[in-house]
Amino acid sequence: MRPTVTTAVATSSALSAADRCDRCGAQAYLRVELQSGGELLFCAHHAREHGDKLREIAAHVIDETDKLRETPATAPGDEH
């Protein structure tokens, strides 16, 4: 008889500067939760390079690459 396996899935939090790309170690902006239960993190470069294939095997994708397009706030003294 096979044992019953129950899997609890934790809700993924937003990516932080501590999250690193599994390919190159740069800051991760894409989290891919795999259908098999694993997780992969990618920088924007590797997310673009492998994104289509990753989405084929993903159960869930958190894409925060839009953070790279946000305009940074003006630093005090830079209003000229």
PDB file of N, CA and C in Angstrom:
ATOM      1  N   MET A   1       0.845  -1.175   0.000  1.00  0.00           N
ATOM      2  CA  MET A   1       0.000   0.000   0.000  1.00  0.00           C
ATOM      3  C   MET A   1       0.889   1.237   0.000  1.00  0.00           C
ATOM      4  N   ARG A   2       0.558   2.209  -0.835  1.00  0.00           N
ATOM      5  CA  ARG A   2       1.348   3.435  -0.933  1.00  0.00           C
ATOM      6  C   ARG A   2       0.885   4.435   0.120  1.00  0.00           C
ATOM      7  N   PRO A   3       1.828   5.144   0.733  1.00  0.00           N
ATOM      8  CA  PRO A   3       1.446   6.148   1.736  1.00  0.00           C
ATOM      9  C   PRO A   3       0.785   7.353   1.070  1.00  0.00           C
ATOM     10  N   THR A   4      -0.100   7.996   1.807  1.00  0.00           N
ATOM     11  CA  THR A   4      -0.735   9.214   1.327  1.00  0.00           C
ATOM     12  C   THR A   4       0.208  10.373   1.601  1.00  0.00           C
ATOM     13  N   VAL A   5       0.424  11.181   0.587  1.00  0.00           N
ATOM     14  CA  VAL A   5       1.327  12.328   0.718  1.00  0.00           C
ATOM     15  C   VAL A   5       0.512  13.601   0.572  1.00  0.00           C
ATOM     16  N   THR A   6       0.632  14.457   1.537  1.00  0.00           N
ATOM     17  CA  THR A   6      -0.029  15.753   1.488  1.00  0.00           C
ATOM     18  C   THR A   6       1.043  16.814   1.390  1.00  0.00           C
ATOM     19  N   THR A   7       0.898  17.689   0.414  1.00  0.00           N
ATOM     20  CA  THR A   7       1.888  18.735   0.221  1.00  0.00           C
ATOM     21  C   THR A   7       1.252  20.081   0.505  1.00  0.00           C
ATOM     22  N   ALA A   8       1.864  20.832   1.391  1.00  0.00           N
ATOM     23  CA  ALA A   8       1.409  22.193   1.664  1.00  0.00           C
ATOM     24  C   ALA A   8       2.288  23.138   0.853  1.00  0.00           C
ATOM     25  N   VAL A   9       1.648  24.045   0.151  1.00  0.00           N
ATOM     26  CA  VAL A   9       2.392  24.999  -0.662  1.00  0.00           C
ATOM     27  C   VAL A   9       2.382  26.345   0.035  1.00  0.00           C
ATOM     28  N   ALA A  10       3.561  26.845   0.332  1.00  0.00           N
ATOM     29  CA  ALA A  10       3.671  28.147   0.973  1.00  0.00           C
ATOM     30  C   ALA A  10       3.501  29.233  -0.069  1.00  0.00           C
ATOM     31  N   THR A  11       2.843  30.307   0.312  1.00  0.00           N
ATOM     32  CA  THR A  11       2.702  31.442  -0.584  1.00  0.00           C
ATOM     33  C   THR A  11       4.049  32.131  -0.697  1.00  0.00           C
ATOM     34  N   SER A  12       4.516  32.314  -1.910  1.00  0.00           N
ATOM     35  CA  SER A  12       5.819  32.927  -2.120  1.00  0.00           C
ATOM     36  C   SER A  12       5.759  34.413  -1.825  1.00  0.00           C
ATOM     37  N   SER A  13       6.790  34.882  -1.185  1.00  0.00           N
ATOM     38  CA  SER A  13       6.870  36.299  -0.903  1.00  0.00           C
ATOM     39  C   SER A  13       7.572  37.001  -2.052  1.00  0.00           C
ATOM     40  N   ALA A  14       7.538  38.306  -2.027  1.00  0.00           N
ATOM     41  CA  ALA A  14       8.212  39.097  -3.053  1.00  0.00           C
ATOM     42  C   ALA A  14       9.711  38.803  -3.013  1.00  0.00           C
ATOM     43  N   LEU A  15      10.338  38.939  -4.138  1.00  0.00           N
ATOM     44  CA  LEU A  15      11.782  38.728  -4.217  1.00  0.00           C
ATOM     45  C   LEU A  15      12.504  39.897  -3.555  1.00  0.00           C
ATOM     46  N   SER A  16      13.640  39.609  -2.948  1.00  0.00           N
ATOM     47  CA  SER A  16      14.438  40.648  -2.295  1.00  0.00           C
ATOM     48  C   SER A  16      15.842  40.645  -2.875  1.00  0.00           C
ATOM     49  N   ALA A  17      16.650  41.590  -2.466  1.00  0.00           N
ATOM     50  CA  ALA A  17      18.033  41.678  -2.935  1.00  0.00           C
ATOM     51  C   ALA A  17      18.840  40.450  -2.515  1.00  0.00           C
ATOM     52  N   ALA A  18      18.361  39.730  -1.527  1.00  0.00           N
ATOM     53  CA  ALA A  18      19.061  38.524  -1.074  1.00  0.00           C
ATOM     54  C   ALA A  18      18.807  37.329  -1.988  1.00  0.00           C
ATOM     55  N   ASP A  19      17.760  37.386  -2.807  1.00  0.00           N
ATOM     56  CA  ASP A  19      17.457  36.300  -3.739  1.00  0.00           C
ATOM     57  C   ASP A  19      18.384  36.409  -4.945  1.00  0.00           C
ATOM     58  N   ARG A  20      19.081  35.322  -5.258  1.00  0.00           N
ATOM     59  CA  ARG A  20      20.113  35.342  -6.301  1.00  0.00           C
ATOM     60  C   ARG A  20      19.769  34.386  -7.431  1.00  0.00           C
ATOM     61  N   CYS A  21      20.167  34.755  -8.637  1.00  0.00           N
ATOM     62  CA  CYS A  21      19.947  33.942  -9.834  1.00  0.00           C
ATOM     63  C   CYS A  21      20.673  32.597  -9.701  1.00  0.00           C
ATOM     64  N   ASP A  22      19.964  31.528 -10.021  1.00  0.00           N
ATOM     65  CA  ASP A  22      20.559  30.194  -9.962  1.00  0.00           C
ATOM     66  C   ASP A  22      21.593  29.962 -11.064  1.00  0.00           C
ATOM     67  N   ARG A  23      21.598  30.769 -12.093  1.00  0.00           N
ATOM     68  CA  ARG A  23      22.550  30.617 -13.190  1.00  0.00           C
ATOM     69  C   ARG A  23      23.835  31.403 -12.966  1.00  0.00           C
ATOM     70  N   CYS A  24      23.721  32.665 -12.477  1.00  0.00           N
ATOM     71  CA  CYS A  24      24.919  33.515 -12.433  1.00  0.00           C
ATOM     72  C   CYS A  24      25.147  34.215 -11.098  1.00  0.00           C
ATOM     73  N   GLY A  25      24.204  34.167 -10.182  1.00  0.00           N
ATOM     74  CA  GLY A  25      24.379  34.787  -8.878  1.00  0.00           C
ATOM     75  C   GLY A  25      23.964  36.244  -8.797  1.00  0.00           C
ATOM     76  N   ALA A  26      23.485  36.833  -9.902  1.00  0.00           N
ATOM     77  CA  ALA A  26      23.002  38.218  -9.880  1.00  0.00           C
ATOM     78  C   ALA A  26      21.671  38.269  -9.125  1.00  0.00           C
ATOM     79  N   GLN A  27      21.189  39.468  -8.827  1.00  0.00           N
ATOM     80  CA  GLN A  27      19.917  39.598  -8.130  1.00  0.00           C
ATOM     81  C   GLN A  27      18.801  38.980  -8.965  1.00  0.00           C
ATOM     82  N   ALA A  28      17.960  38.188  -8.322  1.00  0.00           N
ATOM     83  CA  ALA A  28      16.869  37.499  -9.013  1.00  0.00           C
ATOM     84  C   ALA A  28      15.640  38.396  -9.110  1.00  0.00           C
ATOM     85  N   TYR A  29      15.000  38.355 -10.276  1.00  0.00           N
ATOM     86  CA  TYR A  29      13.760  39.084 -10.523  1.00  0.00           C
ATOM     87  C   TYR A  29      12.647  38.161 -11.011  1.00  0.00           C
ATOM     88  N   LEU A  30      12.935  36.877 -11.142  1.00  0.00           N
ATOM     89  CA  LEU A  30      11.942  35.912 -11.589  1.00  0.00           C
ATOM     90  C   LEU A  30      12.033  34.679 -10.703  1.00  0.00           C
ATOM     91  N   ARG A  31      10.900  34.297 -10.116  1.00  0.00           N
ATOM     92  CA  ARG A  31      10.819  33.071  -9.315  1.00  0.00           C
ATOM     93  C   ARG A  31       9.902  32.116 -10.069  1.00  0.00           C
ATOM     94  N   VAL A  32      10.382  30.917 -10.324  1.00  0.00           N
ATOM     95  CA  VAL A  32       9.605  29.906 -11.032  1.00  0.00           C
ATOM     96  C   VAL A  32       9.376  28.746 -10.077  1.00  0.00           C
ATOM     97  N   GLU A  33       8.112  28.530  -9.735  1.00  0.00           N
ATOM     98  CA  GLU A  33       7.743  27.383  -8.918  1.00  0.00           C
ATOM     99  C   GLU A  33       7.383  26.266  -9.889  1.00  0.00           C
ATOM    100  N   LEU A  34       8.145  25.194  -9.845  1.00  0.00           N
ATOM    101  CA  LEU A  34       7.991  24.109 -10.805  1.00  0.00           C
ATOM    102  C   LEU A  34       6.831  23.188 -10.460  1.00  0.00           C
ATOM    103  N   GLN A  35       6.259  22.571 -11.473  1.00  0.00           N
ATOM    104  CA  GLN A  35       5.178  21.607 -11.271  1.00  0.00           C
ATOM    105  C   GLN A  35       5.652  20.440 -10.415  1.00  0.00           C
ATOM    106  N   SER A  36       6.947  20.149 -10.480  1.00  0.00           N
ATOM    107  CA  SER A  36       7.516  19.047  -9.701  1.00  0.00           C
ATOM    108  C   SER A  36       7.727  19.418  -8.235  1.00  0.00           C
ATOM    109  N   GLY A  37       7.508  20.693  -7.901  1.00  0.00           N
ATOM    110  CA  GLY A  37       7.627  21.127  -6.516  1.00  0.00           C
ATOM    111  C   GLY A  37       8.863  21.930  -6.207  1.00  0.00           C
ATOM    112  N   GLY A  38       9.821  22.003  -7.105  1.00  0.00           N
ATOM    113  CA  GLY A  38      11.032  22.786  -6.875  1.00  0.00           C
ATOM    114  C   GLY A  38      10.824  24.251  -7.187  1.00  0.00           C
ATOM    115  N   GLU A  39      11.881  25.003  -7.050  1.00  0.00           N
ATOM    116  CA  GLU A  39      11.833  26.438  -7.294  1.00  0.00           C
ATOM    117  C   GLU A  39      13.144  26.886  -7.932  1.00  0.00           C
ATOM    118  N   LEU A  40      13.057  27.768  -8.904  1.00  0.00           N
ATOM    119  CA  LEU A  40      14.236  28.336  -9.539  1.00  0.00           C
ATOM    120  C   LEU A  40      14.132  29.845  -9.513  1.00  0.00           C
ATOM    121  N   LEU A  41      15.292  30.504  -9.371  1.00  0.00           N
ATOM    122  CA  LEU A  41      15.357  31.967  -9.379  1.00  0.00           C
ATOM    123  C   LEU A  41      16.260  32.414 -10.521  1.00  0.00           C
ATOM    124  N   PHE A  42      15.863  33.499 -11.212  1.00  0.00           N
ATOM    125  CA  PHE A  42      16.650  33.985 -12.328  1.00  0.00           C
ATOM    126  C   PHE A  42      16.738  35.500 -12.332  1.00  0.00           C
ATOM    127  N   CYS A  43      17.892  36.003 -12.773  1.00  0.00           N
ATOM    128  CA  CYS A  43      18.064  37.433 -13.004  1.00  0.00           C
ATOM    129  C   CYS A  43      17.254  37.791 -14.254  1.00  0.00           C
ATOM    130  N   ALA A  44      17.144  39.077 -14.562  1.00  0.00           N
ATOM    131  CA  ALA A  44      16.374  39.503 -15.727  1.00  0.00           C
ATOM    132  C   ALA A  44      16.956  38.934 -17.020  1.00  0.00           C
ATOM    133  N   HIS A  45      18.272  38.913 -17.137  1.00  0.00           N
ATOM    134  CA  HIS A  45      18.920  38.393 -18.344  1.00  0.00           C
ATOM    135  C   HIS A  45      18.558  36.933 -18.578  1.00  0.00           C
ATOM    136  N   HIS A  46      18.728  36.106 -17.569  1.00  0.00           N
ATOM    137  CA  HIS A  46      18.431  34.685 -17.730  1.00  0.00           C
ATOM    138  C   HIS A  46      16.923  34.424 -17.789  1.00  0.00           C
ATOM    139  N   ALA A  47      16.117  35.293 -17.194  1.00  0.00           N
ATOM    140  CA  ALA A  47      14.663  35.175 -17.316  1.00  0.00           C
ATOM    141  C   ALA A  47      14.257  35.365 -18.777  1.00  0.00           C
ATOM    142  N   ARG A  48      14.859  36.355 -19.450  1.00  0.00           N
ATOM    143  CA  ARG A  48      14.562  36.571 -20.876  1.00  0.00           C
ATOM    144  C   ARG A  48      15.076  35.400 -21.715  1.00  0.00           C
ATOM    145  N   GLU A  49      16.250  34.914 -21.389  1.00  0.00           N
ATOM    146  CA  GLU A  49      16.866  33.832 -22.168  1.00  0.00           C
ATOM    147  C   GLU A  49      16.081  32.526 -22.067  1.00  0.00           C
ATOM    148  N   HIS A  50      15.574  32.214 -20.884  1.00  0.00           N
ATOM    149  CA  HIS A  50      14.939  30.915 -20.642  1.00  0.00           C
ATOM    150  C   HIS A  50      13.450  31.012 -20.326  1.00  0.00           C
ATOM    151  N   GLY A  51      12.885  32.220 -20.352  1.00  0.00           N
ATOM    152  CA  GLY A  51      11.514  32.443 -19.906  1.00  0.00           C
ATOM    153  C   GLY A  51      10.457  31.572 -20.549  1.00  0.00           C
ATOM    154  N   ASP A  52      10.498  31.424 -21.873  1.00  0.00           N
ATOM    155  CA  ASP A  52       9.472  30.632 -22.563  1.00  0.00           C
ATOM    156  C   ASP A  52       9.500  29.172 -22.111  1.00  0.00           C
ATOM    157  N   LYS A  53      10.673  28.595 -22.028  1.00  0.00           N
ATOM    158  CA  LYS A  53      10.803  27.196 -21.597  1.00  0.00           C
ATOM    159  C   LYS A  53      10.382  27.034 -20.140  1.00  0.00           C
ATOM    160  N   LEU A  54      10.764  28.015 -19.307  1.00  0.00           N
ATOM    161  CA  LEU A  54      10.423  27.933 -17.884  1.00  0.00           C
ATOM    162  C   LEU A  54       8.917  27.972 -17.673  1.00  0.00           C
ATOM    163  N   ARG A  55       8.230  28.799 -18.433  1.00  0.00           N
ATOM    164  CA  ARG A  55       6.783  28.898 -18.280  1.00  0.00           C
ATOM    165  C   ARG A  55       6.080  27.600 -18.676  1.00  0.00           C
ATOM    166  N   GLU A  56       6.708  26.814 -19.549  1.00  0.00           N
ATOM    167  CA  GLU A  56       6.138  25.522 -19.943  1.00  0.00           C
ATOM    168  C   GLU A  56       6.143  24.515 -18.795  1.00  0.00           C
ATOM    169  N   ILE A  57       7.130  24.608 -17.909  1.00  0.00           N
ATOM    170  CA  ILE A  57       7.262  23.637 -16.819  1.00  0.00           C
ATOM    171  C   ILE A  57       6.872  24.212 -15.458  1.00  0.00           C
ATOM    172  N   ALA A  58       6.401  25.460 -15.461  1.00  0.00           N
ATOM    173  CA  ALA A  58       6.099  26.149 -14.205  1.00  0.00           C
ATOM    174  C   ALA A  58       4.678  25.891 -13.735  1.00  0.00           C
ATOM    175  N   ALA A  59       4.542  25.803 -12.426  1.00  0.00           N
ATOM    176  CA  ALA A  59       3.225  25.787 -11.810  1.00  0.00           C
ATOM    177  C   ALA A  59       2.800  27.229 -11.527  1.00  0.00           C
ATOM    178  N   HIS A  60       3.789  28.074 -11.246  1.00  0.00           N
ATOM    179  CA  HIS A  60       3.529  29.474 -10.910  1.00  0.00           C
ATOM    180  C   HIS A  60       4.792  30.276 -11.198  1.00  0.00           C
ATOM    181  N   VAL A  61       4.624  31.486 -11.724  1.00  0.00           N
ATOM    182  CA  VAL A  61       5.767  32.353 -12.017  1.00  0.00           C
ATOM    183  C   VAL A  61       5.540  33.706 -11.366  1.00  0.00           C
ATOM    184  N   ILE A  62       6.547  34.182 -10.654  1.00  0.00           N
ATOM    185  CA  ILE A  62       6.524  35.525 -10.094  1.00  0.00           C
ATOM    186  C   ILE A  62       7.574  36.319 -10.860  1.00  0.00           C
ATOM    187  N   ASP A  63       7.108  37.265 -11.665  1.00  0.00           N
ATOM    188  CA  ASP A  63       7.977  38.052 -12.531  1.00  0.00           C
ATOM    189  C   ASP A  63       8.020  39.490 -12.018  1.00  0.00           C
ATOM    190  N   GLU A  64       9.174  39.882 -11.491  1.00  0.00           N
ATOM    191  CA  GLU A  64       9.350  41.236 -10.968  1.00  0.00           C
ATOM    192  C   GLU A  64      10.353  42.024 -11.802  1.00  0.00           C
ATOM    193  N   THR A  65      10.535  41.619 -13.069  1.00  0.00           N
ATOM    194  CA  THR A  65      11.485  42.329 -13.929  1.00  0.00           C
ATOM    195  C   THR A  65      11.046  43.764 -14.194  1.00  0.00           C
ATOM    196  N   ASP A  66       9.758  44.066 -13.994  1.00  0.00           N
ATOM    197  CA  ASP A  66       9.292  45.441 -14.182  1.00  0.00           C
ATOM    198  C   ASP A  66       9.928  46.405 -13.185  1.00  0.00           C
ATOM    199  N   LYS A  67      10.449  45.888 -12.077  1.00  0.00           N
ATOM    200  CA  LYS A  67      11.139  46.740 -11.103  1.00  0.00           C
ATOM    201  C   LYS A  67      12.360  47.419 -11.722  1.00  0.00           C
ATOM    202  N   LEU A  68      12.905  46.817 -12.763  1.00  0.00           N
ATOM    203  CA  LEU A  68      14.086  47.379 -13.413  1.00  0.00           C
ATOM    204  C   LEU A  68      13.743  48.587 -14.268  1.00  0.00           C
ATOM    205  N   ARG A  69      12.482  48.764 -14.615  1.00  0.00           N
ATOM    206  CA  ARG A  69      12.056  49.890 -15.438  1.00  0.00           C
ATOM    207  C   ARG A  69      11.536  51.059 -14.626  1.00  0.00           C
ATOM    208  N   GLU A  70      11.381  50.878 -13.333  1.00  0.00           N
ATOM    209  CA  GLU A  70      10.883  51.961 -12.488  1.00  0.00           C
ATOM    210  C   GLU A  70      11.904  53.077 -12.424  1.00  0.00           C
ATOM    211  N   THR A  71      11.429  54.319 -12.451  1.00  0.00           N
ATOM    212  CA  THR A  71      12.307  55.474 -12.364  1.00  0.00           C
ATOM    213  C   THR A  71      12.642  55.715 -10.901  1.00  0.00           C
ATOM    214  N   PRO A  72      13.933  55.743 -10.569  1.00  0.00           N
ATOM    215  CA  PRO A  72      14.306  55.988  -9.168  1.00  0.00           C
ATOM    216  C   PRO A  72      13.926  57.397  -8.744  1.00  0.00           C
ATOM    217  N   ALA A  73      13.637  57.550  -7.475  1.00  0.00           N
ATOM    218  CA  ALA A  73      13.305  58.869  -6.926  1.00  0.00           C
ATOM    219  C   ALA A  73      14.530  59.770  -7.022  1.00  0.00           C
ATOM    220  N   THR A  74      14.271  61.070  -7.161  1.00  0.00           N
ATOM    221  CA  THR A  74      15.368  62.038  -7.232  1.00  0.00           C
ATOM    222  C   THR A  74      15.984  62.187  -5.852  1.00  0.00           C
ATOM    223  N   ALA A  75      17.287  62.096  -5.786  1.00  0.00           N
ATOM    224  CA  ALA A  75      18.006  62.254  -4.526  1.00  0.00           C
ATOM    225  C   ALA A  75      17.987  63.713  -4.108  1.00  0.00           C
ATOM    226  N   PRO A  76      17.970  63.990  -2.814  1.00  0.00           N
ATOM    227  CA  PRO A  76      17.997  65.384  -2.354  1.00  0.00           C
ATOM    228  C   PRO A  76      19.214  66.097  -2.936  1.00  0.00           C
ATOM    229  N   GLY A  77      18.970  67.299  -3.452  1.00  0.00           N
ATOM    230  CA  GLY A  77      20.056  68.080  -4.036  1.00  0.00           C
ATOM    231  C   GLY A  77      20.200  67.872  -5.525  1.00  0.00           C
ATOM    232  N   ASP A  78      19.418  66.926  -6.113  1.00  0.00           N
ATOM    233  CA  ASP A  78      19.505  66.647  -7.541  1.00  0.00           C
ATOM    234  C   ASP A  78      18.316  67.250  -8.306  1.00  0.00           C
ATOM    235  N   GLU A  79      17.644  68.220  -7.734  1.00  0.00           N
ATOM    236  CA  GLU A  79      16.449  68.777  -8.341  1.00  0.00           C
ATOM    237  C   GLU A  79      16.754  69.714  -9.504  1.00  0.00           C
ATOM    238  N   HIS A  80      17.980  70.013  -9.827  1.00  0.00           N
ATOM    239  CA  HIS A  80      18.347  71.000 -10.862  1.00  0.00           C
ATOM    240  C   HIS A  80      17.802  70.621 -12.184  1.00  0.00           C
TER     241      HIS A  80
END
